C-alpha cells in the first residue's frame, strides 16, 4: 500500500515537472516571436516611412508621411485593403507600393495626383 502511494506521488511529481517544462518552452516560443517582430519594426520594415521625411511631393506641400497616409487610406477604403488592387489602379508594381509603405523609396507626385484623383472619383476623403 505504501509502495503504491509512493509510486503515485512520483508519477504526480513527474507530471508536474513536465507541465512546468511545457510552460517554459511555450514562453520561450512566444518571446522569440515577439523578438522577431520587434526586430522587423526596428530594421525599417514597418509601414511608416522614415527615410525621406522632408521630401516634399507636390505644390501643396505634401510630405512623404502624408503621401504614404493618403495611399494607405485609399487602399483601405477603396480597394478592400488590397495592395495588389491599389497597385493595379495606380499602374505601378506591387513591390513599389510595398517599398513606399516601408519608406525605402520616395513617393513621387504622379502617384499622389493619381491617388487623389481616384479618391475624388470614388467619393472617398483621403486627407
Protein backbone atom coordinates (compact mmCIF):
# COMPACT_ATOMS: atom_id res chain seq x y z
CA UNK A 1 0.00 0.00 0.00
CA UNK A 2 2.81 2.40 0.87
CA UNK A 3 4.61 1.46 -2.32
CA UNK A 4 1.51 2.37 -4.35
CA UNK A 5 1.28 5.75 -2.63
CA UNK A 6 4.98 6.36 -3.25
CA UNK A 7 4.64 5.45 -6.94
CA UNK A 8 1.61 7.71 -7.31
CA UNK A 9 3.43 10.65 -5.70
CA UNK A 10 6.44 10.09 -8.01
CA UNK A 11 4.12 9.98 -11.03
CA UNK A 12 2.44 13.23 -9.97
CA UNK A 13 5.79 14.87 -9.35
CA UNK A 14 6.98 13.84 -12.83
CA UNK A 15 3.76 15.15 -14.41
CA UNK A 16 4.15 18.44 -12.55
CA UNK A 17 7.74 18.83 -13.82
CA UNK A 18 6.64 18.05 -17.36
CA UNK A 19 3.89 20.69 -17.13
CA UNK A 20 6.41 23.29 -15.93
CA UNK A 21 8.79 22.39 -18.75
CA UNK A 22 5.96 22.77 -21.28
CA UNK A 23 5.06 26.21 -19.92
CA UNK A 24 8.69 27.35 -20.05
CA UNK A 25 9.06 26.10 -23.63
CA UNK A 26 5.86 27.91 -24.67
CA UNK A 27 7.12 31.10 -23.04
CA UNK A 28 10.40 30.88 -24.92
CA UNK A 29 8.49 30.44 -28.18
CA UNK A 30 6.31 33.48 -27.55
CA UNK A 31 9.36 35.50 -26.54
CA UNK A 32 11.17 34.53 -29.73
CA UNK A 33 8.17 35.54 -31.85
CA UNK A 34 7.97 38.94 -30.13
CA UNK A 35 11.71 39.50 -30.54
CA UNK A 36 11.40 38.73 -34.25
CA UNK A 37 8.53 41.18 -34.71
CA UNK A 38 10.32 43.95 -32.79
CA UNK A 39 13.46 43.42 -34.86
CA UNK A 40 11.45 43.77 -38.10
CA UNK A 41 9.97 47.05 -36.93
CA UNK A 42 13.34 48.31 -35.72
CA UNK A 43 15.01 47.41 -39.04
CA UNK A 44 12.61 49.59 -41.01
CA UNK A 45 10.12 47.06 -42.28
CA UNK A 46 7.22 48.88 -40.66
CA UNK A 47 4.64 50.84 -42.62
CA UNK A 48 5.88 54.27 -41.54
CA UNK A 49 8.26 55.91 -43.98
CA UNK A 50 11.27 57.39 -42.25
CA UNK A 51 13.97 57.52 -44.92
CA UNK A 52 12.53 60.53 -46.77
CA UNK A 53 10.73 62.53 -44.09
CA UNK A 54 11.38 66.00 -45.53
CA UNK A 55 10.94 65.26 -49.24
CA UNK A 56 8.01 67.39 -50.46
CA UNK A 57 5.92 65.64 -53.10
CA UNK A 58 3.80 68.39 -54.65
CA UNK A 59 2.94 72.11 -54.67
CA UNK A 60 0.52 71.60 -51.75
CA UNK A 61 3.48 70.82 -49.51
CA UNK A 62 2.60 67.15 -49.12
CA UNK A 63 5.48 65.30 -47.48
CA UNK A 64 6.32 61.62 -47.61
CA UNK A 65 4.42 60.76 -44.43
CA UNK A 66 1.26 62.42 -45.69
CA UNK A 67 1.64 60.83 -49.14
CA UNK A 68 2.01 57.40 -47.55
CA UNK A 69 -1.03 58.10 -45.39
CA UNK A 70 -3.05 59.05 -48.49
CA UNK A 71 -2.07 55.81 -50.22
CA UNK A 72 -2.89 53.65 -47.18
CA UNK A 73 -6.24 55.37 -46.66
CA UNK A 74 -7.15 54.95 -50.32
CA UNK A 75 -6.09 51.29 -50.22
CA UNK A 76 -8.11 50.57 -47.08
CA UNK A 77 -11.28 52.45 -48.08
CA UNK A 78 -11.48 51.92 -51.85
CA UNK A 79 -9.62 48.70 -52.58
CA UNK A 80 -10.62 46.38 -49.72
CA UNK A 81 -7.17 46.87 -48.10
CA UNK A 82 -5.55 45.11 -51.07
CA UNK A 83 -2.10 46.28 -52.12
CA UNK A 84 -2.49 44.42 -55.42
CA UNK A 85 -5.70 46.24 -56.38
CA UNK A 86 -4.26 49.65 -55.48
CA UNK A 87 -1.05 48.97 -57.40
CA UNK A 88 -3.10 47.98 -60.44
CA UNK A 89 -5.19 51.15 -60.21
CA UNK A 90 -2.06 53.30 -59.91
CA UNK A 91 -0.31 51.43 -62.73
CA UNK A 92 2.64 50.53 -60.52
CA UNK A 93 4.12 47.19 -59.41
CA UNK A 94 3.13 45.84 -56.01
CA UNK A 95 6.78 45.76 -54.94
CA UNK A 96 7.00 49.52 -55.43
CA UNK A 97 3.90 50.01 -53.28
CA UNK A 98 5.47 47.88 -50.54
CA UNK A 99 8.67 49.94 -50.77
CA UNK A 100 6.67 53.16 -50.36
CA UNK A 101 4.90 51.79 -47.30
CA UNK A 102 8.18 50.70 -45.74
CA UNK A 103 9.85 54.04 -46.56
CA UNK A 104 12.51 52.50 -48.78
CA UNK A 105 11.51 54.55 -51.85
CA UNK A 106 10.29 58.08 -52.42
CA UNK A 107 6.66 58.55 -53.38
CA UNK A 108 6.50 60.80 -56.43
CA UNK A 109 3.97 63.49 -57.32
CA UNK A 110 2.42 61.44 -60.14
CA UNK A 111 1.33 58.73 -57.71
CA UNK A 112 -0.14 61.23 -55.24
CA UNK A 113 -2.06 63.01 -58.02
CA UNK A 114 -3.44 59.68 -59.28
CA UNK A 115 -4.40 58.64 -55.74
CA UNK A 116 -6.21 61.92 -55.14
CA UNK A 117 -7.98 61.62 -58.49
CA UNK A 118 -9.11 58.07 -57.78
CA UNK A 119 -10.31 59.10 -54.33
CA UNK A 120 -12.25 62.07 -55.74
CA UNK A 121 -13.76 59.89 -58.45
CA UNK A 122 -14.93 57.33 -55.88
CA UNK A 123 -16.09 59.91 -53.36
CA UNK A 124 -13.54 58.96 -50.72
CA UNK A 125 -11.89 61.50 -48.44
CA UNK A 126 -8.18 60.70 -48.06
CA UNK A 127 -6.90 63.90 -46.45
